[in-house]
């Protein structure tokens, strides 16, 4: 997912998020993208989302931003010392966070 002047519109994810009604299942996002002619890279991004269901476009964008942040960090431990991968992006920060260490996913 690229940003800026050189962004390839074919690889843009937000237009595919506008093509579905929420709440939506992860598989429905991937199918809608495929039906709209999205490249395989965009379809695979949807298939790899951590949650099985999304209540809003903003929820999807939050998980994508968190995944991009983690990818940029090289999967280093977070500030609470826990290494996280794409299966639990943001989840344990909200559900199992120690007192005083929770933050918005």
PDB file of N, CA and C in Angstrom:
ATOM      1  N   UNK A   1       0.859  -1.159   0.000  1.00  0.00           N
ATOM      2  CA  UNK A   1       0.000   0.000   0.000  1.00  0.00           C
ATOM      3  C   UNK A   1       0.905   1.221   0.000  1.00  0.00           C
ATOM      4  N   UNK A   2       0.853   1.949  -1.080  1.00  0.00           N
ATOM      5  CA  UNK A   2       1.720   3.106  -1.235  1.00  0.00           C
ATOM      6  C   UNK A   2       0.925   4.391  -1.057  1.00  0.00           C
ATOM      7  N   UNK A   3       1.607   5.421  -0.620  1.00  0.00           N
ATOM      8  CA  UNK A   3       0.981   6.721  -0.450  1.00  0.00           C
ATOM      9  C   UNK A   3       1.817   7.752  -1.190  1.00  0.00           C
ATOM     10  N   UNK A   4       1.201   8.821  -1.614  1.00  0.00           N
ATOM     11  CA  UNK A   4       1.945   9.905  -2.220  1.00  0.00           C
ATOM     12  C   UNK A   4       1.727  10.016  -3.704  1.00  0.00           C
ATOM     13  N   UNK A   5       2.588  10.777  -4.364  1.00  0.00           N
ATOM     14  CA  UNK A   5       2.416  11.072  -5.784  1.00  0.00           C
ATOM     15  C   UNK A   5       2.551   9.844  -6.661  1.00  0.00           C
ATOM     16  N   UNK A   6       3.360   8.902  -6.289  1.00  0.00           N
ATOM     17  CA  UNK A   6       3.615   7.745  -7.134  1.00  0.00           C
ATOM     18  C   UNK A   6       2.684   6.567  -6.845  1.00  0.00           C
ATOM     19  N   UNK A   7       1.632   6.805  -6.079  1.00  0.00           N
ATOM     20  CA  UNK A   7       0.723   5.712  -5.723  1.00  0.00           C
ATOM     21  C   UNK A   7       0.026   5.158  -6.958  1.00  0.00           C
ATOM     22  N   UNK A   8       0.009   3.840  -7.042  1.00  0.00           N
ATOM     23  CA  UNK A   8      -0.698   3.151  -8.120  1.00  0.00           C
ATOM     24  C   UNK A   8      -2.151   2.972  -7.677  1.00  0.00           C
ATOM     25  N   UNK A   9      -3.114   3.609  -8.346  1.00  0.00           N
ATOM     26  CA  UNK A   9      -4.510   3.512  -7.919  1.00  0.00           C
ATOM     27  C   UNK A   9      -5.039   2.079  -7.895  1.00  0.00           C
ATOM     28  N   UNK A  10      -4.486   1.207  -8.705  1.00  0.00           N
ATOM     29  CA  UNK A  10      -4.932  -0.187  -8.732  1.00  0.00           C
ATOM     30  C   UNK A  10      -4.604  -0.901  -7.425  1.00  0.00           C
ATOM     31  N   UNK A  11      -3.584  -0.438  -6.705  1.00  0.00           N
ATOM     32  CA  UNK A  11      -3.189  -1.062  -5.445  1.00  0.00           C
ATOM     33  C   UNK A  11      -3.786  -0.371  -4.226  1.00  0.00           C
ATOM     34  N   UNK A  12      -4.669   0.574  -4.443  1.00  0.00           N
ATOM     35  CA  UNK A  12      -5.284   1.297  -3.343  1.00  0.00           C
ATOM     36  C   UNK A  12      -6.369   0.449  -2.693  1.00  0.00           C
ATOM     37  N   UNK A  13      -6.353   0.371  -1.377  1.00  0.00           N
ATOM     38  CA  UNK A  13      -7.298  -0.473  -0.640  1.00  0.00           C
ATOM     39  C   UNK A  13      -8.613   0.229  -0.329  1.00  0.00           C
ATOM     40  N   UNK A  14      -8.641   1.519   0.054  1.00  0.00           N
ATOM     41  CA  UNK A  14      -9.902   2.149   0.456  1.00  0.00           C
ATOM     42  C   UNK A  14     -11.074   2.025  -0.519  1.00  0.00           C
ATOM     43  N   UNK A  15     -10.879   2.102  -1.840  1.00  0.00           N
ATOM     44  CA  UNK A  15     -12.041   1.943  -2.714  1.00  0.00           C
ATOM     45  C   UNK A  15     -12.739   0.577  -2.555  1.00  0.00           C
ATOM     46  N   UNK A  16     -11.977  -0.432  -2.219  1.00  0.00           N
ATOM     47  CA  UNK A  16     -12.561  -1.760  -2.029  1.00  0.00           C
ATOM     48  C   UNK A  16     -13.311  -1.842  -0.699  1.00  0.00           C
ATOM     49  N   UNK A  17     -12.916  -1.020   0.248  1.00  0.00           N
ATOM     50  CA  UNK A  17     -13.617  -0.992   1.534  1.00  0.00           C
ATOM     51  C   UNK A  17     -14.964  -0.284   1.413  1.00  0.00           C
ATOM     52  N   UNK A  18     -15.076   0.607   0.435  1.00  0.00           N
ATOM     53  CA  UNK A  18     -16.336   1.319   0.218  1.00  0.00           C
ATOM     54  C   UNK A  18     -17.356   0.458  -0.520  1.00  0.00           C
ATOM     55  N   UNK A  19     -16.917  -0.655  -1.101  1.00  0.00           N
ATOM     56  CA  UNK A  19     -17.789  -1.480  -1.928  1.00  0.00           C
ATOM     57  C   UNK A  19     -18.590  -2.510  -1.134  1.00  0.00           C
ATOM     58  N   UNK A  20     -18.460  -2.512   0.192  1.00  0.00           N
ATOM     59  CA  UNK A  20     -19.166  -3.501   1.012  1.00  0.00           C
ATOM     60  C   UNK A  20     -19.998  -2.808   2.074  1.00  0.00           C
ATOM     61  N   UNK A  21     -20.987  -3.542   2.594  1.00  0.00           N
ATOM     62  CA  UNK A  21     -21.796  -3.043   3.699  1.00  0.00           C
ATOM     63  C   UNK A  21     -21.266  -3.657   4.996  1.00  0.00           C
ATOM     64  N   UNK A  22     -21.228  -2.854   6.032  1.00  0.00           N
ATOM     65  CA  UNK A  22     -20.713  -3.293   7.329  1.00  0.00           C
ATOM     66  C   UNK A  22     -21.857  -3.602   8.264  1.00  0.00           C
ATOM     67  N   UNK A  23     -21.683  -4.565   9.167  1.00  0.00           N
ATOM     68  CA  UNK A  23     -20.502  -5.394   9.417  1.00  0.00           C
ATOM     69  C   UNK A  23     -20.262  -6.359   8.264  1.00  0.00           C
ATOM     70  N   UNK A  24     -18.981  -6.727   8.077  1.00  0.00           N
ATOM     71  CA  UNK A  24     -18.579  -7.587   6.972  1.00  0.00           C
ATOM     72  C   UNK A  24     -17.556  -8.608   7.466  1.00  0.00           C
ATOM     73  N   UNK A  25     -17.616  -9.803   6.910  1.00  0.00           N
ATOM     74  CA  UNK A  25     -16.641 -10.848   7.225  1.00  0.00           C
ATOM     75  C   UNK A  25     -15.394 -10.649   6.378  1.00  0.00           C
ATOM     76  N   UNK A  26     -14.262 -11.069   6.885  1.00  0.00           N
ATOM     77  CA  UNK A  26     -12.980 -10.965   6.178  1.00  0.00           C
ATOM     78  C   UNK A  26     -13.070 -11.594   4.788  1.00  0.00           C
ATOM     79  N   UNK A  27     -13.710 -12.764   4.680  1.00  0.00           N
ATOM     80  CA  UNK A  27     -13.834 -13.453   3.395  1.00  0.00           C
ATOM     81  C   UNK A  27     -14.676 -12.641   2.411  1.00  0.00           C
ATOM     82  N   UNK A  28     -15.675 -11.914   2.933  1.00  0.00           N
ATOM     83  CA  UNK A  28     -16.503 -11.079   2.063  1.00  0.00           C
ATOM     84  C   UNK A  28     -15.705  -9.900   1.514  1.00  0.00           C
ATOM     85  N   UNK A  29     -14.790  -9.366   2.318  1.00  0.00           N
ATOM     86  CA  UNK A  29     -13.916  -8.294   1.836  1.00  0.00           C
ATOM     87  C   UNK A  29     -13.052  -8.791   0.680  1.00  0.00           C
ATOM     88  N   UNK A  30     -12.468  -9.972   0.855  1.00  0.00           N
ATOM     89  CA  UNK A  30     -11.617 -10.533  -0.192  1.00  0.00           C
ATOM     90  C   UNK A  30     -12.427 -10.817  -1.455  1.00  0.00           C
ATOM     91  N   UNK A  31     -13.632 -11.355  -1.297  1.00  0.00           N
ATOM     92  CA  UNK A  31     -14.476 -11.671  -2.457  1.00  0.00           C
ATOM     93  C   UNK A  31     -14.913 -10.395  -3.172  1.00  0.00           C
ATOM     94  N   UNK A  32     -15.293  -9.371  -2.423  1.00  0.00           N
ATOM     95  CA  UNK A  32     -15.703  -8.102  -3.036  1.00  0.00           C
ATOM     96  C   UNK A  32     -14.544  -7.483  -3.812  1.00  0.00           C
ATOM     97  N   UNK A  33     -13.344  -7.549  -3.256  1.00  0.00           N
ATOM     98  CA  UNK A  33     -12.170  -7.021  -3.960  1.00  0.00           C
ATOM     99  C   UNK A  33     -11.924  -7.799  -5.247  1.00  0.00           C
ATOM    100  N   UNK A  34     -12.038  -9.119  -5.188  1.00  0.00           N
ATOM    101  CA  UNK A  34     -11.844  -9.945  -6.382  1.00  0.00           C
ATOM    102  C   UNK A  34     -12.911  -9.629  -7.427  1.00  0.00           C
ATOM    103  N   UNK A  35     -14.146  -9.474  -6.979  1.00  0.00           N
ATOM    104  CA  UNK A  35     -15.241  -9.156  -7.901  1.00  0.00           C
ATOM    105  C   UNK A  35     -15.058  -7.795  -8.563  1.00  0.00           C
ATOM    106  N   UNK A  36     -14.378  -6.876  -7.876  1.00  0.00           N
ATOM    107  CA  UNK A  36     -14.133  -5.539  -8.423  1.00  0.00           C
ATOM    108  C   UNK A  36     -12.839  -5.461  -9.227  1.00  0.00           C
ATOM    109  N   UNK A  37     -12.191  -6.604  -9.453  1.00  0.00           N
ATOM    110  CA  UNK A  37     -10.980  -6.630 -10.271  1.00  0.00           C
ATOM    111  C   UNK A  37      -9.718  -6.202  -9.564  1.00  0.00           C
ATOM    112  N   UNK A  38      -9.687  -6.332  -8.255  1.00  0.00           N
ATOM    113  CA  UNK A  38      -8.482  -5.955  -7.503  1.00  0.00           C
ATOM    114  C   UNK A  38      -7.324  -6.898  -7.829  1.00  0.00           C
ATOM    115  N   UNK A  39      -6.096  -6.386  -7.782  1.00  0.00           N
ATOM    116  CA  UNK A  39      -4.936  -7.258  -7.978  1.00  0.00           C
ATOM    117  C   UNK A  39      -4.834  -8.275  -6.837  1.00  0.00           C
ATOM    118  N   UNK A  40      -4.156  -9.360  -7.102  1.00  0.00           N
ATOM    119  CA  UNK A  40      -4.024 -10.442  -6.119  1.00  0.00           C
ATOM    120  C   UNK A  40      -3.388  -9.950  -4.825  1.00  0.00           C
ATOM    121  N   UNK A  41      -2.492  -8.965  -4.900  1.00  0.00           N
ATOM    122  CA  UNK A  41      -1.859  -8.433  -3.686  1.00  0.00           C
ATOM    123  C   UNK A  41      -2.885  -7.808  -2.748  1.00  0.00           C
ATOM    124  N   UNK A  42      -3.855  -7.093  -3.294  1.00  0.00           N
ATOM    125  CA  UNK A  42      -4.892  -6.465  -2.473  1.00  0.00           C
ATOM    126  C   UNK A  42      -5.804  -7.540  -1.877  1.00  0.00           C
ATOM    127  N   UNK A  43      -6.151  -8.526  -2.666  1.00  0.00           N
ATOM    128  CA  UNK A  43      -6.999  -9.622  -2.184  1.00  0.00           C
ATOM    129  C   UNK A  43      -6.307 -10.356  -1.040  1.00  0.00           C
ATOM    130  N   UNK A  44      -5.014 -10.603  -1.182  1.00  0.00           N
ATOM    131  CA  UNK A  44      -4.255 -11.289  -0.126  1.00  0.00           C
ATOM    132  C   UNK A  44      -4.160 -10.457   1.147  1.00  0.00           C
ATOM    133  N   UNK A  45      -4.100  -9.132   1.027  1.00  0.00           N
ATOM    134  CA  UNK A  45      -4.097  -8.271   2.212  1.00  0.00           C
ATOM    135  C   UNK A  45      -5.377  -8.501   3.003  1.00  0.00           C
ATOM    136  N   UNK A  46      -6.521  -8.548   2.303  1.00  0.00           N
ATOM    137  CA  UNK A  46      -7.790  -8.776   2.982  1.00  0.00           C
ATOM    138  C   UNK A  46      -7.849 -10.166   3.609  1.00  0.00           C
ATOM    139  N   UNK A  47      -7.298 -11.152   2.937  1.00  0.00           N
ATOM    140  CA  UNK A  47      -7.321 -12.518   3.474  1.00  0.00           C
ATOM    141  C   UNK A  47      -6.465 -12.652   4.726  1.00  0.00           C
ATOM    142  N   UNK A  48      -5.489 -11.763   4.901  1.00  0.00           N
ATOM    143  CA  UNK A  48      -4.572 -11.845   6.041  1.00  0.00           C
ATOM    144  C   UNK A  48      -4.962 -10.942   7.205  1.00  0.00           C
ATOM    145  N   UNK A  49      -6.105 -10.279   7.120  1.00  0.00           N
ATOM    146  CA  UNK A  49      -6.525  -9.426   8.233  1.00  0.00           C
ATOM    147  C   UNK A  49      -6.713 -10.259   9.493  1.00  0.00           C
ATOM    148  N   UNK A  50      -6.410  -9.712  10.662  1.00  0.00           N
ATOM    149  CA  UNK A  50      -6.441 -10.499  11.895  1.00  0.00           C
ATOM    150  C   UNK A  50      -7.829 -10.834  12.421  1.00  0.00           C
ATOM    151  N   UNK A  51      -8.810 -10.003  12.178  1.00  0.00           N
ATOM    152  CA  UNK A  51     -10.156 -10.271  12.699  1.00  0.00           C
ATOM    153  C   UNK A  51     -10.978 -10.993  11.632  1.00  0.00           C
ATOM    154  N   UNK A  52     -11.931 -11.790  12.081  1.00  0.00           N
ATOM    155  CA  UNK A  52     -12.787 -12.488  11.116  1.00  0.00           C
ATOM    156  C   UNK A  52     -13.959 -11.613  10.680  1.00  0.00           C
ATOM    157  N   UNK A  53     -14.346 -10.635  11.493  1.00  0.00           N
ATOM    158  CA  UNK A  53     -15.446  -9.745  11.136  1.00  0.00           C
ATOM    159  C   UNK A  53     -15.098  -8.307  11.521  1.00  0.00           C
ATOM    160  N   UNK A  54     -15.522  -7.366  10.675  1.00  0.00           N
ATOM    161  CA  UNK A  54     -15.268  -5.949  10.903  1.00  0.00           C
ATOM    162  C   UNK A  54     -16.579  -5.180  10.948  1.00  0.00           C
ATOM    163  N   UNK A  55     -16.697  -4.307  11.946  1.00  0.00           N
ATOM    164  CA  UNK A  55     -17.914  -3.522  12.134  1.00  0.00           C
ATOM    165  C   UNK A  55     -17.925  -2.248  11.293  1.00  0.00           C
ATOM    166  N   UNK A  56     -16.746  -1.778  10.864  1.00  0.00           N
ATOM    167  CA  UNK A  56     -16.683  -0.528  10.106  1.00  0.00           C
ATOM    168  C   UNK A  56     -15.412  -0.488   9.262  1.00  0.00           C
ATOM    169  N   UNK A  57     -15.420   0.431   8.302  1.00  0.00           N
ATOM    170  CA  UNK A  57     -14.244   0.667   7.466  1.00  0.00           C
ATOM    171  C   UNK A  57     -13.072   1.117   8.335  1.00  0.00           C
ATOM    172  N   UNK A  58     -13.369   1.914   9.349  1.00  0.00           N
ATOM    173  CA  UNK A  58     -12.321   2.432  10.229  1.00  0.00           C
ATOM    174  C   UNK A  58     -11.608   1.305  10.963  1.00  0.00           C
ATOM    175  N   UNK A  59     -12.344   0.265  11.345  1.00  0.00           N
ATOM    176  CA  UNK A  59     -11.729  -0.885  12.018  1.00  0.00           C
ATOM    177  C   UNK A  59     -10.728  -1.577  11.100  1.00  0.00           C
ATOM    178  N   UNK A  60     -11.092  -1.737   9.832  1.00  0.00           N
ATOM    179  CA  UNK A  60     -10.187  -2.362   8.860  1.00  0.00           C
ATOM    180  C   UNK A  60      -8.942  -1.496   8.701  1.00  0.00           C
ATOM    181  N   UNK A  61      -9.136  -0.196   8.531  1.00  0.00           N
ATOM    182  CA  UNK A  61      -8.000   0.708   8.339  1.00  0.00           C
ATOM    183  C   UNK A  61      -7.083   0.731   9.557  1.00  0.00           C
ATOM    184  N   UNK A  62      -7.657   0.625  10.766  1.00  0.00           N
ATOM    185  CA  UNK A  62      -6.837   0.569  11.979  1.00  0.00           C
ATOM    186  C   UNK A  62      -5.948  -0.664  11.983  1.00  0.00           C
ATOM    187  N   UNK A  63      -6.530  -1.830  11.632  1.00  0.00           N
ATOM    188  CA  UNK A  63      -5.729  -3.054  11.610  1.00  0.00           C
ATOM    189  C   UNK A  63      -4.659  -3.000  10.527  1.00  0.00           C
ATOM    190  N   UNK A  64      -4.971  -2.403   9.385  1.00  0.00           N
ATOM    191  CA  UNK A  64      -3.971  -2.255   8.324  1.00  0.00           C
ATOM    192  C   UNK A  64      -2.836  -1.321   8.770  1.00  0.00           C
ATOM    193  N   UNK A  65      -3.190  -0.244   9.451  1.00  0.00           N
ATOM    194  CA  UNK A  65      -2.162   0.682   9.943  1.00  0.00           C
ATOM    195  C   UNK A  65      -1.290   0.020  10.999  1.00  0.00           C
ATOM    196  N   UNK A  66      -1.902  -0.762  11.875  1.00  0.00           N
ATOM    197  CA  UNK A  66      -1.132  -1.469  12.902  1.00  0.00           C
ATOM    198  C   UNK A  66      -0.205  -2.496  12.266  1.00  0.00           C
ATOM    199  N   UNK A  67      -0.678  -3.192  11.242  1.00  0.00           N
ATOM    200  CA  UNK A  67       0.172  -4.164  10.545  1.00  0.00           C
ATOM    201  C   UNK A  67       1.346  -3.467   9.867  1.00  0.00           C
ATOM    202  N   UNK A  68       1.096  -2.315   9.259  1.00  0.00           N
ATOM    203  CA  UNK A  68       2.171  -1.556   8.619  1.00  0.00           C
ATOM    204  C   UNK A  68       3.189  -1.091   9.657  1.00  0.00           C
ATOM    205  N   UNK A  69       2.702  -0.655  10.811  1.00  0.00           N
ATOM    206  CA  UNK A  69       3.609  -0.229  11.877  1.00  0.00           C
ATOM    207  C   UNK A  69       4.480  -1.385  12.348  1.00  0.00           C
ATOM    208  N   UNK A  70       3.867  -2.544  12.549  1.00  0.00           N
ATOM    209  CA  UNK A  70       4.626  -3.708  13.005  1.00  0.00           C
ATOM    210  C   UNK A  70       5.629  -4.165  11.957  1.00  0.00           C
ATOM    211  N   UNK A  71       5.223  -4.120  10.685  1.00  0.00           N
ATOM    212  CA  UNK A  71       6.126  -4.515   9.615  1.00  0.00           C
ATOM    213  C   UNK A  71       7.336  -3.586   9.577  1.00  0.00           C
ATOM    214  N   UNK A  72       7.099  -2.301   9.761  1.00  0.00           N
ATOM    215  CA  UNK A  72       8.193  -1.327   9.746  1.00  0.00           C
ATOM    216  C   UNK A  72       9.138  -1.530  10.923  1.00  0.00           C
ATOM    217  N   UNK A  73       8.611  -2.046  12.043  1.00  0.00           N
ATOM    218  CA  UNK A  73       9.436  -2.274  13.225  1.00  0.00           C
ATOM    219  C   UNK A  73      10.185  -3.606  13.154  1.00  0.00           C
ATOM    220  N   UNK A  74       9.902  -4.431  12.169  1.00  0.00           N
ATOM    221  CA  UNK A  74      10.582  -5.711  12.064  1.00  0.00           C
ATOM    222  C   UNK A  74      10.127  -6.709  13.103  1.00  0.00           C
ATOM    223  N   UNK A  75       8.891  -6.578  13.585  1.00  0.00           N
ATOM    224  CA  UNK A  75       8.306  -7.490  14.565  1.00  0.00           C
ATOM    225  C   UNK A  75       9.079  -7.505  15.885  1.00  0.00           C
ATOM    226  N   UNK A  76       9.637  -6.354  16.247  1.00  0.00           N
ATOM    227  CA  UNK A  76      10.318  -6.216  17.532  1.00  0.00           C
ATOM    228  C   UNK A  76       9.288  -6.211  18.653  1.00  0.00           C
ATOM    229  N   UNK A  77       9.708  -6.495  19.866  1.00  0.00           N
ATOM    230  CA  UNK A  77       8.757  -6.455  20.978  1.00  0.00           C
ATOM    231  C   UNK A  77       8.162  -5.055  21.146  1.00  0.00           C
ATOM    232  N   UNK A  78       6.895  -5.007  21.515  1.00  0.00           N
ATOM    233  CA  UNK A  78       6.245  -3.726  21.793  1.00  0.00           C
ATOM    234  C   UNK A  78       6.779  -3.149  23.095  1.00  0.00           C
ATOM    235  N   UNK A  79       6.304  -1.953  23.446  1.00  0.00           N
ATOM    236  CA  UNK A  79       6.814  -1.285  24.635  1.00  0.00           C
ATOM    237  C   UNK A  79       6.478  -2.024  25.928  1.00  0.00           C
ATOM    238  N   UNK A  80       5.562  -2.988  25.888  1.00  0.00           N
ATOM    239  CA  UNK A  80       5.287  -3.783  27.092  1.00  0.00           C
ATOM    240  C   UNK A  80       6.068  -5.098  27.092  1.00  0.00           C
ATOM    241  N   UNK A  81       7.003  -5.260  26.109  1.00  0.00           N
ATOM    242  CA  UNK A  81       7.881  -6.414  26.082  1.00  0.00           C
ATOM    243  C   UNK A  81       7.347  -7.643  25.374  1.00  0.00           C
ATOM    244  N   UNK A  82       6.146  -7.569  24.810  1.00  0.00           N
ATOM    245  CA  UNK A  82       5.538  -8.719  24.162  1.00  0.00           C
ATOM    246  C   UNK A  82       5.746  -8.623  22.659  1.00  0.00           C
ATOM    247  N   UNK A  83       6.237  -9.716  22.037  1.00  0.00           N
ATOM    248  CA  UNK A  83       6.331  -9.776  20.586  1.00  0.00           C
ATOM    249  C   UNK A  83       4.974 -10.195  20.041  1.00  0.00           C
ATOM    250  N   UNK A  84       4.487  -9.457  19.063  1.00  0.00           N
ATOM    251  CA  UNK A  84       3.173  -9.758  18.502  1.00  0.00           C
ATOM    252  C   UNK A  84       3.303  -9.984  17.004  1.00  0.00           C
ATOM    253  N   UNK A  85       2.447 -10.824  16.480  1.00  0.00           N
ATOM    254  CA  UNK A  85       2.400 -11.026  15.037  1.00  0.00           C
ATOM    255  C   UNK A  85       1.008 -10.667  14.544  1.00  0.00           C
ATOM    256  N   UNK A  86       0.710 -10.895  13.254  1.00  0.00           N
ATOM    257  CA  UNK A  86      -0.534 -10.436  12.661  1.00  0.00           C
ATOM    258  C   UNK A  86      -1.762 -11.126  13.229  1.00  0.00           C
ATOM    259  N   UNK A  87      -1.612 -12.244  13.921  1.00  0.00           N
ATOM    260  CA  UNK A  87      -2.779 -12.947  14.456  1.00  0.00           C
ATOM    261  C   UNK A  87      -3.395 -12.228  15.651  1.00  0.00           C
ATOM    262  N   UNK A  88      -2.621 -11.386  16.315  1.00  0.00           N
ATOM    263  CA  UNK A  88      -3.172 -10.716  17.494  1.00  0.00           C
ATOM    264  C   UNK A  88      -2.940  -9.211  17.471  1.00  0.00           C
ATOM    265  N   UNK A  89      -2.947  -8.622  16.286  1.00  0.00           N
ATOM    266  CA  UNK A  89      -2.694  -7.196  16.156  1.00  0.00           C
ATOM    267  C   UNK A  89      -3.698  -6.414  16.996  1.00  0.00           C
ATOM    268  N   UNK A  90      -3.211  -5.738  17.995  1.00  0.00           N
ATOM    269  CA  UNK A  90      -4.043  -4.887  18.815  1.00  0.00           C
ATOM    270  C   UNK A  90      -4.925  -5.599  19.821  1.00  0.00           C
ATOM    271  N   UNK A  91      -5.183  -6.884  19.637  1.00  0.00           N
ATOM    272  CA  UNK A  91      -6.151  -7.574  20.484  1.00  0.00           C
ATOM    273  C   UNK A  91      -5.707  -7.633  21.930  1.00  0.00           C
ATOM    274  N   UNK A  92      -4.479  -8.125  22.180  1.00  0.00           N
ATOM    275  CA  UNK A  92      -4.086  -8.262  23.579  1.00  0.00           C
ATOM    276  C   UNK A  92      -3.740  -6.925  24.223  1.00  0.00           C
ATOM    277  N   UNK A  93      -3.511  -5.887  23.426  1.00  0.00           N
ATOM    278  CA  UNK A  93      -3.328  -4.558  24.008  1.00  0.00           C
ATOM    279  C   UNK A  93      -4.627  -4.059  24.619  1.00  0.00           C
ATOM    280  N   UNK A  94      -5.735  -4.527  24.094  1.00  0.00           N
ATOM    281  CA  UNK A  94      -7.032  -4.104  24.591  1.00  0.00           C
ATOM    282  C   UNK A  94      -7.567  -5.103  25.616  1.00  0.00           C
ATOM    283  N   UNK A  95      -7.523  -6.394  25.288  1.00  0.00           N
ATOM    284  CA  UNK A  95      -8.156  -7.410  26.126  1.00  0.00           C
ATOM    285  C   UNK A  95      -7.320  -7.841  27.328  1.00  0.00           C
ATOM    286  N   UNK A  96      -5.999  -7.908  27.161  1.00  0.00           N
ATOM    287  CA  UNK A  96      -5.148  -8.452  28.222  1.00  0.00           C
ATOM    288  C   UNK A  96      -4.067  -7.474  28.689  1.00  0.00           C
ATOM    289  N   UNK A  97      -4.278  -6.207  28.449  1.00  0.00           N
ATOM    290  CA  UNK A  97      -3.251  -5.229  28.800  1.00  0.00           C
ATOM    291  C   UNK A  97      -3.143  -5.082  30.315  1.00  0.00           C
ATOM    292  N   UNK A  98      -1.913  -4.985  30.822  1.00  0.00           N
ATOM    293  CA  UNK A  98      -1.754  -4.731  32.259  1.00  0.00           C
ATOM    294  C   UNK A  98      -2.255  -3.326  32.579  1.00  0.00           C
ATOM    295  N   UNK A  99      -2.647  -3.077  33.811  1.00  0.00           N
ATOM    296  CA  UNK A  99      -3.139  -1.753  34.191  1.00  0.00           C
ATOM    297  C   UNK A  99      -2.130  -0.660  33.840  1.00  0.00           C
ATOM    298  N   UNK A 100      -2.631   0.383  33.206  1.00  0.00           N
ATOM    299  CA  UNK A 100      -1.781   1.499  32.856  1.00  0.00           C
ATOM    300  C   UNK A 100      -1.035   1.339  31.546  1.00  0.00           C
ATOM    301  N   UNK A 101      -1.163   0.188  30.880  1.00  0.00           N
ATOM    302  CA  UNK A 101      -0.444  -0.046  29.624  1.00  0.00           C
ATOM    303  C   UNK A 101      -1.360  -0.206  28.426  1.00  0.00           C
ATOM    304  N   UNK A 102      -2.649  -0.030  28.615  1.00  0.00           N
ATOM    305  CA  UNK A 102      -3.541  -0.206  27.478  1.00  0.00           C
ATOM    306  C   UNK A 102      -3.506   1.032  26.597  1.00  0.00           C
ATOM    307  N   UNK A 103      -3.758   0.810  25.339  1.00  0.00           N
ATOM    308  CA  UNK A 103      -3.841   1.929  24.397  1.00  0.00           C
ATOM    309  C   UNK A 103      -4.773   1.514  23.273  1.00  0.00           C
ATOM    310  N   UNK A 104      -5.200   2.478  22.514  1.00  0.00           N
ATOM    311  CA  UNK A 104      -6.123   2.190  21.420  1.00  0.00           C
ATOM    312  C   UNK A 104      -5.411   1.366  20.373  1.00  0.00           C
ATOM    313  N   UNK A 105      -6.057   0.296  19.837  1.00  0.00           N
ATOM    314  CA  UNK A 105      -5.354  -0.549  18.856  1.00  0.00           C
ATOM    315  C   UNK A 105      -5.021   0.141  17.594  1.00  0.00           C
TER     316      UNK A 105
END
